[in-house]
PDBML (XML) file of the C-alpha atoms, coordinates in Angstrom:
<?xml version="1.0" encoding="UTF-8" ?>
<PDBx:datablock datablockName="MODEL"
   xmlns:PDBx="http://pdbml.pdb.org/schema/pdbx-v50.xsd"
   xmlns:xsi="http://www.w3.org/2001/XMLSchema-instance"
   xsi:schemaLocation="http://pdbml.pdb.org/schema/pdbx-v50.xsd pdbx-v50.xsd">
   <PDBx:atom_siteCategory>
      <PDBx:atom_site id="1">
         <PDBx:B_iso_or_equiv>0.00</PDBx:B_iso_or_equiv>
         <PDBx:Cartn_x>-21.533</PDBx:Cartn_x>
         <PDBx:Cartn_y>1.077</PDBx:Cartn_y>
         <PDBx:Cartn_z>-11.586</PDBx:Cartn_z>
         <PDBx:auth_asym_id>A</PDBx:auth_asym_id>
         <PDBx:auth_atom_id>CA</PDBx:auth_atom_id>
         <PDBx:auth_comp_id>ARG</PDBx:auth_comp_id>
         <PDBx:auth_seq_id>1</PDBx:auth_seq_id>
         <PDBx:group_PDB>ATOM</PDBx:group_PDB>
         <PDBx:label_alt_id xsi:nil="true" />
         <PDBx:label_asym_id>A</PDBx:label_asym_id>
         <PDBx:label_atom_id>CA</PDBx:label_atom_id>
         <PDBx:label_comp_id>ARG</PDBx:label_comp_id>
         <PDBx:label_entity_id>1</PDBx:label_entity_id>
         <PDBx:label_seq_id>1</PDBx:label_seq_id>
         <PDBx:occupancy>1.00</PDBx:occupancy>
         <PDBx:pdbx_PDB_model_num>1</PDBx:pdbx_PDB_model_num>
         <PDBx:type_symbol>C</PDBx:type_symbol>
      </PDBx:atom_site>
      <PDBx:atom_site id="2">
         <PDBx:B_iso_or_equiv>0.00</PDBx:B_iso_or_equiv>
         <PDBx:Cartn_x>-21.086</PDBx:Cartn_x>
         <PDBx:Cartn_y>3.494</PDBx:Cartn_y>
         <PDBx:Cartn_z>-8.668</PDBx:Cartn_z>
         <PDBx:auth_asym_id>A</PDBx:auth_asym_id>
         <PDBx:auth_atom_id>CA</PDBx:auth_atom_id>
         <PDBx:auth_comp_id>GLN</PDBx:auth_comp_id>
         <PDBx:auth_seq_id>2</PDBx:auth_seq_id>
         <PDBx:group_PDB>ATOM</PDBx:group_PDB>
         <PDBx:label_alt_id xsi:nil="true" />
         <PDBx:label_asym_id>A</PDBx:label_asym_id>
         <PDBx:label_atom_id>CA</PDBx:label_atom_id>
         <PDBx:label_comp_id>GLN</PDBx:label_comp_id>
         <PDBx:label_entity_id>1</PDBx:label_entity_id>
         <PDBx:label_seq_id>2</PDBx:label_seq_id>
         <PDBx:occupancy>1.00</PDBx:occupancy>
         <PDBx:pdbx_PDB_model_num>1</PDBx:pdbx_PDB_model_num>
         <PDBx:type_symbol>C</PDBx:type_symbol>
      </PDBx:atom_site>
      <PDBx:atom_site id="3">
         <PDBx:B_iso_or_equiv>0.00</PDBx:B_iso_or_equiv>
         <PDBx:Cartn_x>-20.561</PDBx:Cartn_x>
         <PDBx:Cartn_y>0.652</PDBx:Cartn_y>
         <PDBx:Cartn_z>-6.178</PDBx:Cartn_z>
         <PDBx:auth_asym_id>A</PDBx:auth_asym_id>
         <PDBx:auth_atom_id>CA</PDBx:auth_atom_id>
         <PDBx:auth_comp_id>VAL</PDBx:auth_comp_id>
         <PDBx:auth_seq_id>3</PDBx:auth_seq_id>
         <PDBx:group_PDB>ATOM</PDBx:group_PDB>
         <PDBx:label_alt_id xsi:nil="true" />
         <PDBx:label_asym_id>A</PDBx:label_asym_id>
         <PDBx:label_atom_id>CA</PDBx:label_atom_id>
         <PDBx:label_comp_id>VAL</PDBx:label_comp_id>
         <PDBx:label_entity_id>1</PDBx:label_entity_id>
         <PDBx:label_seq_id>3</PDBx:label_seq_id>
         <PDBx:occupancy>1.00</PDBx:occupancy>
         <PDBx:pdbx_PDB_model_num>1</PDBx:pdbx_PDB_model_num>
         <PDBx:type_symbol>C</PDBx:type_symbol>
      </PDBx:atom_site>
      <PDBx:atom_site id="4">
         <PDBx:B_iso_or_equiv>0.00</PDBx:B_iso_or_equiv>
         <PDBx:Cartn_x>-16.826</PDBx:Cartn_x>
         <PDBx:Cartn_y>0.210</PDBx:Cartn_y>
         <PDBx:Cartn_z>-5.452</PDBx:Cartn_z>
         <PDBx:auth_asym_id>A</PDBx:auth_asym_id>
         <PDBx:auth_atom_id>CA</PDBx:auth_atom_id>
         <PDBx:auth_comp_id>PRO</PDBx:auth_comp_id>
         <PDBx:auth_seq_id>4</PDBx:auth_seq_id>
         <PDBx:group_PDB>ATOM</PDBx:group_PDB>
         <PDBx:label_alt_id xsi:nil="true" />
         <PDBx:label_asym_id>A</PDBx:label_asym_id>
         <PDBx:label_atom_id>CA</PDBx:label_atom_id>
         <PDBx:label_comp_id>PRO</PDBx:label_comp_id>
         <PDBx:label_entity_id>1</PDBx:label_entity_id>
         <PDBx:label_seq_id>4</PDBx:label_seq_id>
         <PDBx:occupancy>1.00</PDBx:occupancy>
         <PDBx:pdbx_PDB_model_num>1</PDBx:pdbx_PDB_model_num>
         <PDBx:type_symbol>C</PDBx:type_symbol>
      </PDBx:atom_site>
      <PDBx:atom_site id="5">
         <PDBx:B_iso_or_equiv>0.00</PDBx:B_iso_or_equiv>
         <PDBx:Cartn_x>-15.278</PDBx:Cartn_x>
         <PDBx:Cartn_y>-2.777</PDBx:Cartn_y>
         <PDBx:Cartn_z>-7.178</PDBx:Cartn_z>
         <PDBx:auth_asym_id>A</PDBx:auth_asym_id>
         <PDBx:auth_atom_id>CA</PDBx:auth_atom_id>
         <PDBx:auth_comp_id>VAL</PDBx:auth_comp_id>
         <PDBx:auth_seq_id>5</PDBx:auth_seq_id>
         <PDBx:group_PDB>ATOM</PDBx:group_PDB>
         <PDBx:label_alt_id xsi:nil="true" />
         <PDBx:label_asym_id>A</PDBx:label_asym_id>
         <PDBx:label_atom_id>CA</PDBx:label_atom_id>
         <PDBx:label_comp_id>VAL</PDBx:label_comp_id>
         <PDBx:label_entity_id>1</PDBx:label_entity_id>
         <PDBx:label_seq_id>5</PDBx:label_seq_id>
         <PDBx:occupancy>1.00</PDBx:occupancy>
         <PDBx:pdbx_PDB_model_num>1</PDBx:pdbx_PDB_model_num>
         <PDBx:type_symbol>C</PDBx:type_symbol>
      </PDBx:atom_site>
      <PDBx:atom_site id="6">
         <PDBx:B_iso_or_equiv>0.00</PDBx:B_iso_or_equiv>
         <PDBx:Cartn_x>-14.305</PDBx:Cartn_x>
         <PDBx:Cartn_y>-4.412</PDBx:Cartn_y>
         <PDBx:Cartn_z>-3.900</PDBx:Cartn_z>
         <PDBx:auth_asym_id>A</PDBx:auth_asym_id>
         <PDBx:auth_atom_id>CA</PDBx:auth_atom_id>
         <PDBx:auth_comp_id>THR</PDBx:auth_comp_id>
         <PDBx:auth_seq_id>6</PDBx:auth_seq_id>
         <PDBx:group_PDB>ATOM</PDBx:group_PDB>
         <PDBx:label_alt_id xsi:nil="true" />
         <PDBx:label_asym_id>A</PDBx:label_asym_id>
         <PDBx:label_atom_id>CA</PDBx:label_atom_id>
         <PDBx:label_comp_id>THR</PDBx:label_comp_id>
         <PDBx:label_entity_id>1</PDBx:label_entity_id>
         <PDBx:label_seq_id>6</PDBx:label_seq_id>
         <PDBx:occupancy>1.00</PDBx:occupancy>
         <PDBx:pdbx_PDB_model_num>1</PDBx:pdbx_PDB_model_num>
         <PDBx:type_symbol>C</PDBx:type_symbol>
      </PDBx:atom_site>
      <PDBx:atom_site id="7">
         <PDBx:B_iso_or_equiv>0.00</PDBx:B_iso_or_equiv>
         <PDBx:Cartn_x>-17.923</PDBx:Cartn_x>
         <PDBx:Cartn_y>-4.245</PDBx:Cartn_y>
         <PDBx:Cartn_z>-2.731</PDBx:Cartn_z>
         <PDBx:auth_asym_id>A</PDBx:auth_asym_id>
         <PDBx:auth_atom_id>CA</PDBx:auth_atom_id>
         <PDBx:auth_comp_id>GLU</PDBx:auth_comp_id>
         <PDBx:auth_seq_id>7</PDBx:auth_seq_id>
         <PDBx:group_PDB>ATOM</PDBx:group_PDB>
         <PDBx:label_alt_id xsi:nil="true" />
         <PDBx:label_asym_id>A</PDBx:label_asym_id>
         <PDBx:label_atom_id>CA</PDBx:label_atom_id>
         <PDBx:label_comp_id>GLU</PDBx:label_comp_id>
         <PDBx:label_entity_id>1</PDBx:label_entity_id>
         <PDBx:label_seq_id>7</PDBx:label_seq_id>
         <PDBx:occupancy>1.00</PDBx:occupancy>
         <PDBx:pdbx_PDB_model_num>1</PDBx:pdbx_PDB_model_num>
         <PDBx:type_symbol>C</PDBx:type_symbol>
      </PDBx:atom_site>
      <PDBx:atom_site id="8">
         <PDBx:B_iso_or_equiv>0.00</PDBx:B_iso_or_equiv>
         <PDBx:Cartn_x>-19.220</PDBx:Cartn_x>
         <PDBx:Cartn_y>-5.732</PDBx:Cartn_y>
         <PDBx:Cartn_z>-5.974</PDBx:Cartn_z>
         <PDBx:auth_asym_id>A</PDBx:auth_asym_id>
         <PDBx:auth_atom_id>CA</PDBx:auth_atom_id>
         <PDBx:auth_comp_id>ARG</PDBx:auth_comp_id>
         <PDBx:auth_seq_id>8</PDBx:auth_seq_id>
         <PDBx:group_PDB>ATOM</PDBx:group_PDB>
         <PDBx:label_alt_id xsi:nil="true" />
         <PDBx:label_asym_id>A</PDBx:label_asym_id>
         <PDBx:label_atom_id>CA</PDBx:label_atom_id>
         <PDBx:label_comp_id>ARG</PDBx:label_comp_id>
         <PDBx:label_entity_id>1</PDBx:label_entity_id>
         <PDBx:label_seq_id>8</PDBx:label_seq_id>
         <PDBx:occupancy>1.00</PDBx:occupancy>
         <PDBx:pdbx_PDB_model_num>1</PDBx:pdbx_PDB_model_num>
         <PDBx:type_symbol>C</PDBx:type_symbol>
      </PDBx:atom_site>
      <PDBx:atom_site id="9">
         <PDBx:B_iso_or_equiv>0.00</PDBx:B_iso_or_equiv>
         <PDBx:Cartn_x>-17.150</PDBx:Cartn_x>
         <PDBx:Cartn_y>-8.803</PDBx:Cartn_y>
         <PDBx:Cartn_z>-5.209</PDBx:Cartn_z>
         <PDBx:auth_asym_id>A</PDBx:auth_asym_id>
         <PDBx:auth_atom_id>CA</PDBx:auth_atom_id>
         <PDBx:auth_comp_id>MET</PDBx:auth_comp_id>
         <PDBx:auth_seq_id>9</PDBx:auth_seq_id>
         <PDBx:group_PDB>ATOM</PDBx:group_PDB>
         <PDBx:label_alt_id xsi:nil="true" />
         <PDBx:label_asym_id>A</PDBx:label_asym_id>
         <PDBx:label_atom_id>CA</PDBx:label_atom_id>
         <PDBx:label_comp_id>MET</PDBx:label_comp_id>
         <PDBx:label_entity_id>1</PDBx:label_entity_id>
         <PDBx:label_seq_id>9</PDBx:label_seq_id>
         <PDBx:occupancy>1.00</PDBx:occupancy>
         <PDBx:pdbx_PDB_model_num>1</PDBx:pdbx_PDB_model_num>
         <PDBx:type_symbol>C</PDBx:type_symbol>
      </PDBx:atom_site>
      <PDBx:atom_site id="10">
         <PDBx:B_iso_or_equiv>0.00</PDBx:B_iso_or_equiv>
         <PDBx:Cartn_x>-19.429</PDBx:Cartn_x>
         <PDBx:Cartn_y>-9.735</PDBx:Cartn_y>
         <PDBx:Cartn_z>-2.326</PDBx:Cartn_z>
         <PDBx:auth_asym_id>A</PDBx:auth_asym_id>
         <PDBx:auth_atom_id>CA</PDBx:auth_atom_id>
         <PDBx:auth_comp_id>THR</PDBx:auth_comp_id>
         <PDBx:auth_seq_id>10</PDBx:auth_seq_id>
         <PDBx:group_PDB>ATOM</PDBx:group_PDB>
         <PDBx:label_alt_id xsi:nil="true" />
         <PDBx:label_asym_id>A</PDBx:label_asym_id>
         <PDBx:label_atom_id>CA</PDBx:label_atom_id>
         <PDBx:label_comp_id>THR</PDBx:label_comp_id>
         <PDBx:label_entity_id>1</PDBx:label_entity_id>
         <PDBx:label_seq_id>10</PDBx:label_seq_id>
         <PDBx:occupancy>1.00</PDBx:occupancy>
         <PDBx:pdbx_PDB_model_num>1</PDBx:pdbx_PDB_model_num>
         <PDBx:type_symbol>C</PDBx:type_symbol>
      </PDBx:atom_site>
      <PDBx:atom_site id="11">
         <PDBx:B_iso_or_equiv>0.00</PDBx:B_iso_or_equiv>
         <PDBx:Cartn_x>-22.186</PDBx:Cartn_x>
         <PDBx:Cartn_y>-10.382</PDBx:Cartn_y>
         <PDBx:Cartn_z>-4.855</PDBx:Cartn_z>
         <PDBx:auth_asym_id>A</PDBx:auth_asym_id>
         <PDBx:auth_atom_id>CA</PDBx:auth_atom_id>
         <PDBx:auth_comp_id>LEU</PDBx:auth_comp_id>
         <PDBx:auth_seq_id>11</PDBx:auth_seq_id>
         <PDBx:group_PDB>ATOM</PDBx:group_PDB>
         <PDBx:label_alt_id xsi:nil="true" />
         <PDBx:label_asym_id>A</PDBx:label_asym_id>
         <PDBx:label_atom_id>CA</PDBx:label_atom_id>
         <PDBx:label_comp_id>LEU</PDBx:label_comp_id>
         <PDBx:label_entity_id>1</PDBx:label_entity_id>
         <PDBx:label_seq_id>11</PDBx:label_seq_id>
         <PDBx:occupancy>1.00</PDBx:occupancy>
         <PDBx:pdbx_PDB_model_num>1</PDBx:pdbx_PDB_model_num>
         <PDBx:type_symbol>C</PDBx:type_symbol>
      </PDBx:atom_site>
      <PDBx:atom_site id="12">
         <PDBx:B_iso_or_equiv>0.00</PDBx:B_iso_or_equiv>
         <PDBx:Cartn_x>-19.949</PDBx:Cartn_x>
         <PDBx:Cartn_y>-12.834</PDBx:Cartn_y>
         <PDBx:Cartn_z>-6.731</PDBx:Cartn_z>
         <PDBx:auth_asym_id>A</PDBx:auth_asym_id>
         <PDBx:auth_atom_id>CA</PDBx:auth_atom_id>
         <PDBx:auth_comp_id>LEU</PDBx:auth_comp_id>
         <PDBx:auth_seq_id>12</PDBx:auth_seq_id>
         <PDBx:group_PDB>ATOM</PDBx:group_PDB>
         <PDBx:label_alt_id xsi:nil="true" />
         <PDBx:label_asym_id>A</PDBx:label_asym_id>
         <PDBx:label_atom_id>CA</PDBx:label_atom_id>
         <PDBx:label_comp_id>LEU</PDBx:label_comp_id>
         <PDBx:label_entity_id>1</PDBx:label_entity_id>
         <PDBx:label_seq_id>12</PDBx:label_seq_id>
         <PDBx:occupancy>1.00</PDBx:occupancy>
         <PDBx:pdbx_PDB_model_num>1</PDBx:pdbx_PDB_model_num>
         <PDBx:type_symbol>C</PDBx:type_symbol>
      </PDBx:atom_site>
      <PDBx:atom_site id="13">
         <PDBx:B_iso_or_equiv>0.00</PDBx:B_iso_or_equiv>
         <PDBx:Cartn_x>-19.133</PDBx:Cartn_x>
         <PDBx:Cartn_y>-14.655</PDBx:Cartn_y>
         <PDBx:Cartn_z>-3.504</PDBx:Cartn_z>
         <PDBx:auth_asym_id>A</PDBx:auth_asym_id>
         <PDBx:auth_atom_id>CA</PDBx:auth_atom_id>
         <PDBx:auth_comp_id>THR</PDBx:auth_comp_id>
         <PDBx:auth_seq_id>13</PDBx:auth_seq_id>
         <PDBx:group_PDB>ATOM</PDBx:group_PDB>
         <PDBx:label_alt_id xsi:nil="true" />
         <PDBx:label_asym_id>A</PDBx:label_asym_id>
         <PDBx:label_atom_id>CA</PDBx:label_atom_id>
         <PDBx:label_comp_id>THR</PDBx:label_comp_id>
         <PDBx:label_entity_id>1</PDBx:label_entity_id>
         <PDBx:label_seq_id>13</PDBx:label_seq_id>
         <PDBx:occupancy>1.00</PDBx:occupancy>
         <PDBx:pdbx_PDB_model_num>1</PDBx:pdbx_PDB_model_num>
         <PDBx:type_symbol>C</PDBx:type_symbol>
      </PDBx:atom_site>
      <PDBx:atom_site id="14">
         <PDBx:B_iso_or_equiv>0.00</PDBx:B_iso_or_equiv>
         <PDBx:Cartn_x>-22.852</PDBx:Cartn_x>
         <PDBx:Cartn_y>-14.965</PDBx:Cartn_y>
         <PDBx:Cartn_z>-2.734</PDBx:Cartn_z>
         <PDBx:auth_asym_id>A</PDBx:auth_asym_id>
         <PDBx:auth_atom_id>CA</PDBx:auth_atom_id>
         <PDBx:auth_comp_id>ARG</PDBx:auth_comp_id>
         <PDBx:auth_seq_id>14</PDBx:auth_seq_id>
         <PDBx:group_PDB>ATOM</PDBx:group_PDB>
         <PDBx:label_alt_id xsi:nil="true" />
         <PDBx:label_asym_id>A</PDBx:label_asym_id>
         <PDBx:label_atom_id>CA</PDBx:label_atom_id>
         <PDBx:label_comp_id>ARG</PDBx:label_comp_id>
         <PDBx:label_entity_id>1</PDBx:label_entity_id>
         <PDBx:label_seq_id>14</PDBx:label_seq_id>
         <PDBx:occupancy>1.00</PDBx:occupancy>
         <PDBx:pdbx_PDB_model_num>1</PDBx:pdbx_PDB_model_num>
         <PDBx:type_symbol>C</PDBx:type_symbol>
      </PDBx:atom_site>
      <PDBx:atom_site id="15">
         <PDBx:B_iso_or_equiv>0.00</PDBx:B_iso_or_equiv>
         <PDBx:Cartn_x>-23.484</PDBx:Cartn_x>
         <PDBx:Cartn_y>-16.193</PDBx:Cartn_y>
         <PDBx:Cartn_z>-6.304</PDBx:Cartn_z>
         <PDBx:auth_asym_id>A</PDBx:auth_asym_id>
         <PDBx:auth_atom_id>CA</PDBx:auth_atom_id>
         <PDBx:auth_comp_id>MET</PDBx:auth_comp_id>
         <PDBx:auth_seq_id>15</PDBx:auth_seq_id>
         <PDBx:group_PDB>ATOM</PDBx:group_PDB>
         <PDBx:label_alt_id xsi:nil="true" />
         <PDBx:label_asym_id>A</PDBx:label_asym_id>
         <PDBx:label_atom_id>CA</PDBx:label_atom_id>
         <PDBx:label_comp_id>MET</PDBx:label_comp_id>
         <PDBx:label_entity_id>1</PDBx:label_entity_id>
         <PDBx:label_seq_id>15</PDBx:label_seq_id>
         <PDBx:occupancy>1.00</PDBx:occupancy>
         <PDBx:pdbx_PDB_model_num>1</PDBx:pdbx_PDB_model_num>
         <PDBx:type_symbol>C</PDBx:type_symbol>
      </PDBx:atom_site>
      <PDBx:atom_site id="16">
         <PDBx:B_iso_or_equiv>0.00</PDBx:B_iso_or_equiv>
         <PDBx:Cartn_x>-20.971</PDBx:Cartn_x>
         <PDBx:Cartn_y>-18.993</PDBx:Cartn_y>
         <PDBx:Cartn_z>-5.743</PDBx:Cartn_z>
         <PDBx:auth_asym_id>A</PDBx:auth_asym_id>
         <PDBx:auth_atom_id>CA</PDBx:auth_atom_id>
         <PDBx:auth_comp_id>ALA</PDBx:auth_comp_id>
         <PDBx:auth_seq_id>16</PDBx:auth_seq_id>
         <PDBx:group_PDB>ATOM</PDBx:group_PDB>
         <PDBx:label_alt_id xsi:nil="true" />
         <PDBx:label_asym_id>A</PDBx:label_asym_id>
         <PDBx:label_atom_id>CA</PDBx:label_atom_id>
         <PDBx:label_comp_id>ALA</PDBx:label_comp_id>
         <PDBx:label_entity_id>1</PDBx:label_entity_id>
         <PDBx:label_seq_id>16</PDBx:label_seq_id>
         <PDBx:occupancy>1.00</PDBx:occupancy>
         <PDBx:pdbx_PDB_model_num>1</PDBx:pdbx_PDB_model_num>
         <PDBx:type_symbol>C</PDBx:type_symbol>
      </PDBx:atom_site>
      <PDBx:atom_site id="17">
         <PDBx:B_iso_or_equiv>0.00</PDBx:B_iso_or_equiv>
         <PDBx:Cartn_x>-22.655</PDBx:Cartn_x>
         <PDBx:Cartn_y>-19.908</PDBx:Cartn_y>
         <PDBx:Cartn_z>-2.465</PDBx:Cartn_z>
         <PDBx:auth_asym_id>A</PDBx:auth_asym_id>
         <PDBx:auth_atom_id>CA</PDBx:auth_atom_id>
         <PDBx:auth_comp_id>SER</PDBx:auth_comp_id>
         <PDBx:auth_seq_id>17</PDBx:auth_seq_id>
         <PDBx:group_PDB>ATOM</PDBx:group_PDB>
         <PDBx:label_alt_id xsi:nil="true" />
         <PDBx:label_asym_id>A</PDBx:label_asym_id>
         <PDBx:label_atom_id>CA</PDBx:label_atom_id>
         <PDBx:label_comp_id>SER</PDBx:label_comp_id>
         <PDBx:label_entity_id>1</PDBx:label_entity_id>
         <PDBx:label_seq_id>17</PDBx:label_seq_id>
         <PDBx:occupancy>1.00</PDBx:occupancy>
         <PDBx:pdbx_PDB_model_num>1</PDBx:pdbx_PDB_model_num>
         <PDBx:type_symbol>C</PDBx:type_symbol>
      </PDBx:atom_site>
      <PDBx:atom_site id="18">
         <PDBx:B_iso_or_equiv>0.00</PDBx:B_iso_or_equiv>
         <PDBx:Cartn_x>-26.131</PDBx:Cartn_x>
         <PDBx:Cartn_y>-19.941</PDBx:Cartn_y>
         <PDBx:Cartn_z>-4.045</PDBx:Cartn_z>
         <PDBx:auth_asym_id>A</PDBx:auth_asym_id>
         <PDBx:auth_atom_id>CA</PDBx:auth_atom_id>
         <PDBx:auth_comp_id>ALA</PDBx:auth_comp_id>
         <PDBx:auth_seq_id>18</PDBx:auth_seq_id>
         <PDBx:group_PDB>ATOM</PDBx:group_PDB>
         <PDBx:label_alt_id xsi:nil="true" />
         <PDBx:label_asym_id>A</PDBx:label_asym_id>
         <PDBx:label_atom_id>CA</PDBx:label_atom_id>
         <PDBx:label_comp_id>ALA</PDBx:label_comp_id>
         <PDBx:label_entity_id>1</PDBx:label_entity_id>
         <PDBx:label_seq_id>18</PDBx:label_seq_id>
         <PDBx:occupancy>1.00</PDBx:occupancy>
         <PDBx:pdbx_PDB_model_num>1</PDBx:pdbx_PDB_model_num>
         <PDBx:type_symbol>C</PDBx:type_symbol>
      </PDBx:atom_site>
      <PDBx:atom_site id="19">
         <PDBx:B_iso_or_equiv>0.00</PDBx:B_iso_or_equiv>
         <PDBx:Cartn_x>-24.915</PDBx:Cartn_x>
         <PDBx:Cartn_y>-22.185</PDBx:Cartn_y>
         <PDBx:Cartn_z>-6.860</PDBx:Cartn_z>
         <PDBx:auth_asym_id>A</PDBx:auth_asym_id>
         <PDBx:auth_atom_id>CA</PDBx:auth_atom_id>
         <PDBx:auth_comp_id>LEU</PDBx:auth_comp_id>
         <PDBx:auth_seq_id>19</PDBx:auth_seq_id>
         <PDBx:group_PDB>ATOM</PDBx:group_PDB>
         <PDBx:label_alt_id xsi:nil="true" />
         <PDBx:label_asym_id>A</PDBx:label_asym_id>
         <PDBx:label_atom_id>CA</PDBx:label_atom_id>
         <PDBx:label_comp_id>LEU</PDBx:label_comp_id>
         <PDBx:label_entity_id>1</PDBx:label_entity_id>
         <PDBx:label_seq_id>19</PDBx:label_seq_id>
         <PDBx:occupancy>1.00</PDBx:occupancy>
         <PDBx:pdbx_PDB_model_num>1</PDBx:pdbx_PDB_model_num>
         <PDBx:type_symbol>C</PDBx:type_symbol>
      </PDBx:atom_site>
      <PDBx:atom_site id="20">
         <PDBx:B_iso_or_equiv>0.00</PDBx:B_iso_or_equiv>
         <PDBx:Cartn_x>-23.328</PDBx:Cartn_x>
         <PDBx:Cartn_y>-24.671</PDBx:Cartn_y>
         <PDBx:Cartn_z>-4.488</PDBx:Cartn_z>
         <PDBx:auth_asym_id>A</PDBx:auth_asym_id>
         <PDBx:auth_atom_id>CA</PDBx:auth_atom_id>
         <PDBx:auth_comp_id>ARG</PDBx:auth_comp_id>
         <PDBx:auth_seq_id>20</PDBx:auth_seq_id>
         <PDBx:group_PDB>ATOM</PDBx:group_PDB>
         <PDBx:label_alt_id xsi:nil="true" />
         <PDBx:label_asym_id>A</PDBx:label_asym_id>
         <PDBx:label_atom_id>CA</PDBx:label_atom_id>
         <PDBx:label_comp_id>ARG</PDBx:label_comp_id>
         <PDBx:label_entity_id>1</PDBx:label_entity_id>
         <PDBx:label_seq_id>20</PDBx:label_seq_id>
         <PDBx:occupancy>1.00</PDBx:occupancy>
         <PDBx:pdbx_PDB_model_num>1</PDBx:pdbx_PDB_model_num>
         <PDBx:type_symbol>C</PDBx:type_symbol>
      </PDBx:atom_site>
      <PDBx:atom_site id="21">
         <PDBx:B_iso_or_equiv>0.00</PDBx:B_iso_or_equiv>
         <PDBx:Cartn_x>-26.298</PDBx:Cartn_x>
         <PDBx:Cartn_y>-24.776</PDBx:Cartn_y>
         <PDBx:Cartn_z>-2.126</PDBx:Cartn_z>
         <PDBx:auth_asym_id>A</PDBx:auth_asym_id>
         <PDBx:auth_atom_id>CA</PDBx:auth_atom_id>
         <PDBx:auth_comp_id>SER</PDBx:auth_comp_id>
         <PDBx:auth_seq_id>21</PDBx:auth_seq_id>
         <PDBx:group_PDB>ATOM</PDBx:group_PDB>
         <PDBx:label_alt_id xsi:nil="true" />
         <PDBx:label_asym_id>A</PDBx:label_asym_id>
         <PDBx:label_atom_id>CA</PDBx:label_atom_id>
         <PDBx:label_comp_id>SER</PDBx:label_comp_id>
         <PDBx:label_entity_id>1</PDBx:label_entity_id>
         <PDBx:label_seq_id>21</PDBx:label_seq_id>
         <PDBx:occupancy>1.00</PDBx:occupancy>
         <PDBx:pdbx_PDB_model_num>1</PDBx:pdbx_PDB_model_num>
         <PDBx:type_symbol>C</PDBx:type_symbol>
      </PDBx:atom_site>
      <PDBx:atom_site id="22">
         <PDBx:B_iso_or_equiv>0.00</PDBx:B_iso_or_equiv>
         <PDBx:Cartn_x>-28.619</PDBx:Cartn_x>
         <PDBx:Cartn_y>-25.552</PDBx:Cartn_y>
         <PDBx:Cartn_z>-5.045</PDBx:Cartn_z>
         <PDBx:auth_asym_id>A</PDBx:auth_asym_id>
         <PDBx:auth_atom_id>CA</PDBx:auth_atom_id>
         <PDBx:auth_comp_id>GLY</PDBx:auth_comp_id>
         <PDBx:auth_seq_id>22</PDBx:auth_seq_id>
         <PDBx:group_PDB>ATOM</PDBx:group_PDB>
         <PDBx:label_alt_id xsi:nil="true" />
         <PDBx:label_asym_id>A</PDBx:label_asym_id>
         <PDBx:label_atom_id>CA</PDBx:label_atom_id>
         <PDBx:label_comp_id>GLY</PDBx:label_comp_id>
         <PDBx:label_entity_id>1</PDBx:label_entity_id>
         <PDBx:label_seq_id>22</PDBx:label_seq_id>
         <PDBx:occupancy>1.00</PDBx:occupancy>
         <PDBx:pdbx_PDB_model_num>1</PDBx:pdbx_PDB_model_num>
         <PDBx:type_symbol>C</PDBx:type_symbol>
      </PDBx:atom_site>
      <PDBx:atom_site id="23">
         <PDBx:B_iso_or_equiv>0.00</PDBx:B_iso_or_equiv>
         <PDBx:Cartn_x>-26.216</PDBx:Cartn_x>
         <PDBx:Cartn_y>-27.810</PDBx:Cartn_y>
         <PDBx:Cartn_z>-6.941</PDBx:Cartn_z>
         <PDBx:auth_asym_id>A</PDBx:auth_asym_id>
         <PDBx:auth_atom_id>CA</PDBx:auth_atom_id>
         <PDBx:auth_comp_id>LYS</PDBx:auth_comp_id>
         <PDBx:auth_seq_id>23</PDBx:auth_seq_id>
         <PDBx:group_PDB>ATOM</PDBx:group_PDB>
         <PDBx:label_alt_id xsi:nil="true" />
         <PDBx:label_asym_id>A</PDBx:label_asym_id>
         <PDBx:label_atom_id>CA</PDBx:label_atom_id>
         <PDBx:label_comp_id>LYS</PDBx:label_comp_id>
         <PDBx:label_entity_id>1</PDBx:label_entity_id>
         <PDBx:label_seq_id>23</PDBx:label_seq_id>
         <PDBx:occupancy>1.00</PDBx:occupancy>
         <PDBx:pdbx_PDB_model_num>1</PDBx:pdbx_PDB_model_num>
         <PDBx:type_symbol>C</PDBx:type_symbol>
      </PDBx:atom_site>
      <PDBx:atom_site id="24">
         <PDBx:B_iso_or_equiv>0.00</PDBx:B_iso_or_equiv>
         <PDBx:Cartn_x>-28.184</PDBx:Cartn_x>
         <PDBx:Cartn_y>-31.041</PDBx:Cartn_y>
         <PDBx:Cartn_z>-6.659</PDBx:Cartn_z>
         <PDBx:auth_asym_id>A</PDBx:auth_asym_id>
         <PDBx:auth_atom_id>CA</PDBx:auth_atom_id>
         <PDBx:auth_comp_id>ALA</PDBx:auth_comp_id>
         <PDBx:auth_seq_id>24</PDBx:auth_seq_id>
         <PDBx:group_PDB>ATOM</PDBx:group_PDB>
         <PDBx:label_alt_id xsi:nil="true" />
         <PDBx:label_asym_id>A</PDBx:label_asym_id>
         <PDBx:label_atom_id>CA</PDBx:label_atom_id>
         <PDBx:label_comp_id>ALA</PDBx:label_comp_id>
         <PDBx:label_entity_id>1</PDBx:label_entity_id>
         <PDBx:label_seq_id>24</PDBx:label_seq_id>
         <PDBx:occupancy>1.00</PDBx:occupancy>
         <PDBx:pdbx_PDB_model_num>1</PDBx:pdbx_PDB_model_num>
         <PDBx:type_symbol>C</PDBx:type_symbol>
      </PDBx:atom_site>
   </PDBx:atom_siteCategory>
</PDBx:datablock>
Protein backbone atom coordinates (compact mmCIF):
# COMPACT_ATOMS: atom_id res chain seq x y z
CA ARG A 1 0.00 0.00 0.00
CA GLN A 2 3.01 2.29 0.47
CA VAL A 3 4.22 1.72 -3.10
CA PRO A 4 3.22 4.67 -5.32
CA VAL A 5 0.29 3.95 -7.60
CA THR A 6 2.33 4.55 -10.74
CA GLU A 7 4.87 1.95 -9.61
CA ARG A 8 2.16 -0.60 -8.84
CA MET A 9 1.18 -0.41 -12.49
CA THR A 10 4.37 -2.16 -13.54
CA LEU A 11 3.11 -5.29 -11.81
CA LEU A 12 -0.09 -5.20 -13.88
CA THR A 13 1.92 -4.83 -17.08
CA ARG A 14 4.02 -7.86 -16.11
CA MET A 15 0.83 -9.80 -15.27
CA ALA A 16 -0.45 -9.15 -18.80
CA SER A 17 2.86 -10.31 -20.26
CA ALA A 18 2.88 -13.49 -18.15
CA LEU A 19 -0.67 -14.32 -19.22
CA ARG A 20 0.10 -13.87 -22.90
CA SER A 21 3.34 -15.83 -22.77
CA GLY A 22 1.53 -18.77 -21.16
CA LYS A 23 -1.71 -18.44 -23.13
CA ALA A 24 -1.52 -21.72 -25.02
